[in-house]
Amino acid sequence: MEFKHELVKPNEDISVMFVAMKDNARIIPKHWHSHMEIIYILDAYLEVDINNSVYLVEKDQLIVISPRDIHSTAHKHGNTSILLQIPYEILENNIEDVQNIHFECNPYMKAPQYISYQNDIKILLKSFAEIYKNKPLGYKLKINSLIYDLLFILVNKFSISVPKLNMQKTARYLDRLELITKYVKKHYKECISLDDISAQAGLNSEYFSRFFKKYMGTTFLKYLNSVRLEHFYTDLTNTDYSITELIEKNGFTNYKMFMKLYKDTYGCTPSETRKLLLKSNLKNSKL
């Protein structure tokens, strides 16, 4: 997933995007969206970067990503989780001045009252998963009830007010970042120079580098390669193209640099990734 203003599609039968899933290793580069996102880890772990602060979310822990927060996620060995994304329209229609509210809920909040309310949220998410899996008569009524119960806890126990001026500033830099990420989304397979991307943002290259590093917490080149790598990994695990072909297809031009980046990110080589995935698929097919 590229860093971009992500458009999140709700499930067809309910007003939110919800999935309980077992996932393979996955690195999702920085992106943002207007939805609220809640991730509950049922097994293994997930590394989450929110506005350049990194959280390790382990088994039976959860984290909330506030609308418009720049974030990325990573796990090298797969995990099982519940993911809930609530459209901004629901927040806007039910929470006064939500545009000036920031939600903060993560595993590092250790005070007893926070732990207690996080446990309440976990119960709601597990109930959501059970109801949505079985879909009894009137299940949509119960789903809506659970969403509002969850939001009531978050808005009263895990929210802070943010000055209007700060929110306007956030909107301005996100608009500029969106110009950048749209260009990367379209041209990541090509050679993108610092001058090219600076021109797209309407900035000189020196100011662009400072701006990008400030809000993304990384250099543009590292971000660009993370987007390319995410596309490479998707192709690697879903096609039978050769590794050399996929490297070239996804914009990498230096083989040694690519292999180092891949090993540093996933802890193994692309060939080993394919072997591990094949072994996992064979094991699951026998279950």
Protein backbone atom coordinates (compact mmCIF):
# COMPACT_ATOMS: atom_id res chain seq x y z
CA MET A 1 0.00 0.00 0.00
CA GLU A 2 1.54 3.28 -1.01
CA PHE A 3 1.70 6.23 1.29
CA LYS A 4 -1.34 8.11 0.06
CA HIS A 5 -4.73 9.36 1.07
CA GLU A 6 -6.09 5.84 1.24
CA LEU A 7 -9.72 5.30 0.29
CA VAL A 8 -11.07 2.60 2.60
CA LYS A 9 -14.08 0.68 1.34
CA PRO A 10 -16.58 -0.58 3.94
CA ASN A 11 -17.91 -4.13 3.85
CA GLU A 12 -20.90 -4.35 1.52
CA ASP A 13 -23.45 -5.17 4.22
CA ILE A 14 -22.28 -2.93 7.07
CA SER A 15 -21.13 0.67 7.40
CA VAL A 16 -17.52 -0.11 8.43
CA MET A 17 -14.57 -2.07 7.11
CA PHE A 18 -14.05 -5.12 9.30
CA VAL A 19 -11.88 -8.21 8.90
CA ALA A 20 -10.56 -10.93 11.18
CA MET A 21 -7.54 -12.36 9.42
CA LYS A 22 -4.41 -14.47 9.52
CA ASP A 23 -1.74 -12.69 7.51
CA ASN A 24 1.67 -13.57 6.11
CA ALA A 25 4.66 -11.30 6.60
CA ARG A 26 3.75 -7.83 5.43
CA ILE A 27 5.34 -4.38 5.40
CA ILE A 28 2.92 -1.55 4.61
CA PRO A 29 4.64 1.80 3.92
CA LYS A 30 3.42 5.04 5.43
CA HIS A 31 -0.02 6.21 4.38
CA TRP A 32 -3.04 7.98 5.83
CA HIS A 33 -6.81 8.03 5.58
CA SER A 34 -9.74 9.86 7.14
CA HIS A 35 -11.10 6.72 8.81
CA MET A 36 -10.41 5.71 12.40
CA GLU A 37 -8.49 2.43 12.46
CA ILE A 38 -8.40 -0.11 15.30
CA ILE A 39 -6.04 -3.10 15.22
CA TYR A 40 -6.32 -5.89 17.78
CA ILE A 41 -3.55 -8.50 17.68
CA LEU A 42 -4.76 -12.01 18.51
CA ASP A 43 -1.48 -13.81 17.87
CA ALA A 44 2.17 -12.81 17.24
CA TYR A 45 2.89 -9.06 16.95
CA LEU A 46 2.71 -5.93 14.82
CA GLU A 47 5.05 -2.93 14.67
CA VAL A 48 3.09 0.28 14.13
CA ASP A 49 4.58 3.68 13.34
CA ILE A 50 2.18 6.57 14.00
CA ASN A 51 3.43 10.08 13.24
CA ASN A 52 7.02 8.81 13.67
CA SER A 53 6.38 7.19 17.06
CA VAL A 54 6.86 3.40 16.99
CA TYR A 55 4.71 0.96 19.00
CA LEU A 56 5.15 -2.78 19.37
CA VAL A 57 1.66 -4.30 19.59
CA GLU A 58 1.87 -7.84 20.92
CA LYS A 59 -0.61 -10.67 21.45
CA ASP A 60 -3.85 -9.53 23.13
CA GLN A 61 -2.98 -5.84 22.68
CA LEU A 62 -4.61 -3.19 20.53
CA ILE A 63 -3.88 0.18 19.04
CA VAL A 64 -6.05 2.97 17.65
CA ILE A 65 -4.99 5.12 14.69
CA SER A 66 -6.73 8.48 14.64
CA PRO A 67 -8.07 9.95 11.37
CA ARG A 68 -5.33 11.65 9.29
CA ASP A 69 -2.49 10.10 11.29
CA ILE A 70 0.44 9.10 9.06
CA HIS A 71 1.16 5.46 9.84
CA SER A 72 2.83 2.28 8.68
CA THR A 73 2.74 -1.34 9.87
CA ALA A 74 5.20 -4.22 9.74
CA HIS A 75 5.43 -7.85 10.78
CA LYS A 76 8.05 -10.26 9.41
CA HIS A 77 6.58 -13.61 10.42
CA GLY A 78 2.81 -13.29 10.03
CA ASN A 79 0.11 -12.64 12.60
CA THR A 80 -3.58 -12.99 13.41
CA SER A 81 -5.59 -9.85 14.03
CA ILE A 82 -8.89 -8.04 13.99
CA LEU A 83 -9.00 -4.87 11.91
CA LEU A 84 -11.81 -2.32 12.17
CA GLN A 85 -11.93 0.91 10.18
CA ILE A 86 -14.73 3.35 10.95
CA PRO A 87 -15.59 5.95 8.27
CA TYR A 88 -15.11 9.57 9.19
CA GLU A 89 -18.75 10.25 8.34
CA ILE A 90 -19.86 8.13 11.31
CA LEU A 91 -17.54 10.05 13.61
CA GLU A 92 -18.63 13.40 12.19
CA ASN A 93 -22.34 12.62 12.52
CA ASN A 94 -22.11 11.44 16.12
CA ILE A 95 -19.20 13.23 17.85
CA GLU A 96 -19.31 16.99 18.37
CA ASP A 97 -16.25 18.86 17.02
CA VAL A 98 -14.61 15.59 16.01
CA GLN A 99 -12.42 17.53 13.56
CA ASN A 100 -10.59 18.94 16.61
CA ILE A 101 -10.25 15.63 18.45
CA HIS A 102 -7.30 13.25 18.36
CA PHE A 103 -7.62 9.65 19.57
CA GLU A 104 -4.76 8.00 21.46
CA CYS A 105 -5.00 4.39 22.58
CA ASN A 106 -1.96 2.10 22.55
CA PRO A 107 -0.24 -0.66 24.60
CA TYR A 108 2.10 1.82 26.27
CA MET A 109 -0.75 3.40 28.22
CA LYS A 110 -0.25 1.41 31.44
CA ALA A 111 -2.48 3.24 33.93
CA PRO A 112 -5.10 0.83 35.42
CA GLN A 113 -8.06 2.81 34.06
CA TYR A 114 -6.66 2.65 30.52
CA ILE A 115 -6.05 -1.09 30.75
CA SER A 116 -9.59 -1.63 32.01
CA TYR A 117 -11.19 0.32 29.17
CA GLN A 118 -8.92 -1.33 26.59
CA ASN A 119 -10.17 -4.68 27.87
CA ASP A 120 -13.73 -3.47 27.33
CA ILE A 121 -12.81 -2.59 23.72
CA LYS A 122 -11.33 -6.06 23.19
CA ILE A 123 -14.55 -7.67 24.38
CA LEU A 124 -16.54 -5.53 21.94
CA LEU A 125 -14.22 -6.45 19.05
CA LYS A 126 -14.43 -10.16 19.82
CA SER A 127 -18.21 -9.89 20.01
CA PHE A 128 -18.18 -8.01 16.69
CA ALA A 129 -16.17 -10.83 15.09
CA GLU A 130 -18.49 -13.52 16.42
CA ILE A 131 -21.69 -11.73 15.38
CA TYR A 132 -20.35 -10.89 11.93
CA LYS A 133 -19.13 -14.45 11.36
CA ASN A 134 -22.45 -16.08 12.25
CA LYS A 135 -24.77 -13.27 11.06
CA PRO A 136 -27.87 -14.13 13.12
CA LEU A 137 -31.19 -12.48 12.38
CA GLY A 138 -30.83 -8.78 13.03
CA TYR A 139 -27.03 -8.92 13.14
CA LYS A 140 -26.71 -5.45 11.60
CA LEU A 141 -28.53 -3.98 14.61
CA LYS A 142 -26.04 -5.59 16.98
CA ILE A 143 -23.08 -4.50 14.80
CA ASN A 144 -24.25 -0.88 14.92
CA SER A 145 -24.72 -1.13 18.69
CA LEU A 146 -21.17 -2.44 19.15
CA ILE A 147 -19.72 0.34 16.97
CA TYR A 148 -21.41 3.03 19.06
CA ASP A 149 -20.41 1.37 22.35
CA LEU A 150 -16.81 1.27 21.15
CA LEU A 151 -16.84 4.91 20.01
CA PHE A 152 -18.38 6.01 23.30
CA ILE A 153 -15.43 4.51 25.18
CA LEU A 154 -12.88 6.02 22.80
CA VAL A 155 -14.31 9.53 22.78
CA ASN A 156 -14.66 9.67 26.57
CA LYS A 157 -11.51 7.82 27.67
CA PHE A 158 -8.99 7.97 24.81
CA SER A 159 -9.40 11.37 23.14
CA ILE A 160 -7.78 14.77 23.51
CA SER A 161 -8.75 18.16 22.09
CA VAL A 162 -6.40 19.67 19.51
CA PRO A 163 -6.31 23.43 18.76
CA LYS A 164 -8.05 24.31 15.51
CA LEU A 165 -4.92 26.01 14.18
CA ASN A 166 -2.92 22.79 14.58
CA MET A 167 -5.55 20.79 12.71
CA GLN A 168 -5.52 23.31 9.84
CA LYS A 169 -1.74 23.04 9.64
CA THR A 170 -2.01 19.24 9.53
CA ALA A 171 -4.51 19.46 6.66
CA ARG A 172 -2.17 21.71 4.68
CA TYR A 173 0.86 19.44 4.89
CA LEU A 174 -1.26 16.35 4.16
CA ASP A 175 -2.54 18.03 1.00
CA ARG A 176 1.05 18.57 -0.12
CA LEU A 177 2.03 15.03 0.80
CA GLU A 178 -0.89 13.74 -1.22
CA LEU A 179 0.52 15.41 -4.35
CA ILE A 180 3.81 13.64 -3.70
CA THR A 181 2.33 10.23 -3.04
CA LYS A 182 0.02 10.29 -6.03
CA TYR A 183 3.05 10.89 -8.21
CA VAL A 184 4.93 8.02 -6.56
CA LYS A 185 1.93 5.72 -6.96
CA LYS A 186 1.91 6.38 -10.70
CA HIS A 187 5.66 6.43 -11.35
CA TYR A 188 7.33 4.17 -8.73
CA LYS A 189 8.50 1.78 -11.47
CA GLU A 190 10.44 4.62 -13.08
CA CYS A 191 13.53 6.56 -12.04
CA ILE A 192 12.33 9.44 -9.83
CA SER A 193 14.98 12.03 -9.03
CA LEU A 194 14.85 14.45 -6.13
CA ASP A 195 14.41 17.29 -8.66
CA ASP A 196 11.47 15.46 -10.27
CA ILE A 197 9.55 14.96 -7.06
CA SER A 198 10.41 18.42 -5.72
CA ALA A 199 8.95 19.97 -8.86
CA GLN A 200 5.74 17.97 -8.38
CA ALA A 201 5.43 19.42 -4.87
CA GLY A 202 6.24 22.95 -6.04
CA LEU A 203 9.31 23.15 -3.79
CA ASN A 204 13.02 23.45 -4.30
CA SER A 205 14.90 20.22 -3.62
CA GLU A 206 16.56 21.40 -0.39
CA TYR A 207 13.29 22.52 1.22
CA PHE A 208 11.50 19.43 -0.10
CA SER A 209 14.03 17.14 1.61
CA ARG A 210 13.55 18.90 4.95
CA PHE A 211 9.75 18.95 4.60
CA PHE A 212 9.55 15.27 3.70
CA LYS A 213 11.90 14.12 6.47
CA LYS A 214 10.03 16.23 9.06
CA TYR A 215 6.60 14.77 8.39
CA MET A 216 7.54 11.28 7.17
CA GLY A 217 10.44 10.60 9.50
CA THR A 218 12.49 9.21 6.62
CA THR A 219 14.17 10.34 3.42
CA PHE A 220 12.29 10.35 0.14
CA LEU A 221 14.57 7.66 -1.31
CA LYS A 222 13.92 5.30 1.61
CA TYR A 223 10.19 5.92 1.29
CA LEU A 224 10.25 5.33 -2.48
CA ASN A 225 12.12 2.07 -2.01
CA SER A 226 9.66 0.96 0.67
CA VAL A 227 6.81 1.44 -1.82
CA ARG A 228 8.71 -0.47 -4.48
CA LEU A 229 9.51 -3.22 -2.00
CA GLU A 230 5.88 -3.61 -0.99
CA HIS A 231 4.90 -4.06 -4.64
CA PHE A 232 7.78 -6.49 -5.15
CA TYR A 233 6.66 -8.58 -2.17
CA THR A 234 3.08 -8.72 -3.47
CA ASP A 235 4.31 -9.89 -6.88
CA LEU A 236 6.77 -12.33 -5.30
CA THR A 237 4.05 -14.08 -3.31
CA ASN A 238 1.34 -13.98 -5.97
CA THR A 239 3.14 -14.67 -9.27
CA ASP A 240 5.79 -17.06 -10.60
CA TYR A 241 7.90 -14.42 -12.34
CA SER A 242 11.63 -14.75 -11.71
CA ILE A 243 13.13 -12.66 -8.94
CA THR A 244 15.30 -10.77 -11.42
CA GLU A 245 12.25 -9.87 -13.49
CA LEU A 246 10.37 -8.63 -10.42
CA ILE A 247 13.30 -6.52 -9.27
CA GLU A 248 13.39 -4.72 -12.62
CA LYS A 249 9.60 -4.56 -12.90
CA ASN A 250 9.29 -2.68 -9.61
CA GLY A 251 11.86 0.03 -10.27
CA PHE A 252 15.00 -1.33 -8.60
CA THR A 253 18.21 -0.89 -10.59
CA ASN A 254 20.89 -2.06 -8.13
CA TYR A 255 20.69 -5.80 -7.43
CA LYS A 256 23.04 -5.78 -4.40
CA MET A 257 21.27 -2.80 -2.84
CA PHE A 258 17.91 -4.48 -3.37
CA MET A 259 18.99 -7.77 -1.79
CA LYS A 260 20.35 -5.96 1.26
CA LEU A 261 17.12 -3.97 1.61
CA TYR A 262 15.00 -7.12 1.30
CA LYS A 263 17.04 -9.08 3.85
CA ASP A 264 17.07 -6.15 6.29
CA THR A 265 13.28 -5.83 5.96
CA TYR A 266 12.11 -9.46 5.88
CA GLY A 267 15.05 -11.28 7.48
CA CYS A 268 15.54 -13.66 4.55
CA THR A 269 16.06 -13.70 0.78
CA PRO A 270 13.22 -13.56 -1.79
CA SER A 271 13.88 -17.23 -2.67
CA GLU A 272 13.55 -18.22 0.97
CA THR A 273 10.29 -16.27 1.20
CA ARG A 274 8.82 -18.29 -1.66
CA LYS A 275 9.96 -21.57 -0.09
CA LEU A 276 8.45 -20.64 3.28
CA LEU A 277 5.17 -19.63 1.63
CA LEU A 278 5.02 -22.89 -0.34
CA LYS A 279 5.64 -24.87 2.83
CA SER A 280 2.91 -22.94 4.65
CA ASN A 281 0.42 -23.46 1.81
CA LEU A 282 1.11 -27.19 1.73
CA LYS A 283 0.64 -27.42 5.49
CA ASN A 284 -2.67 -25.53 5.34
CA SER A 285 -3.93 -27.68 2.47
CA LYS A 286 -3.59 -30.76 4.64
CA LEU A 287 -5.66 -29.30 7.49
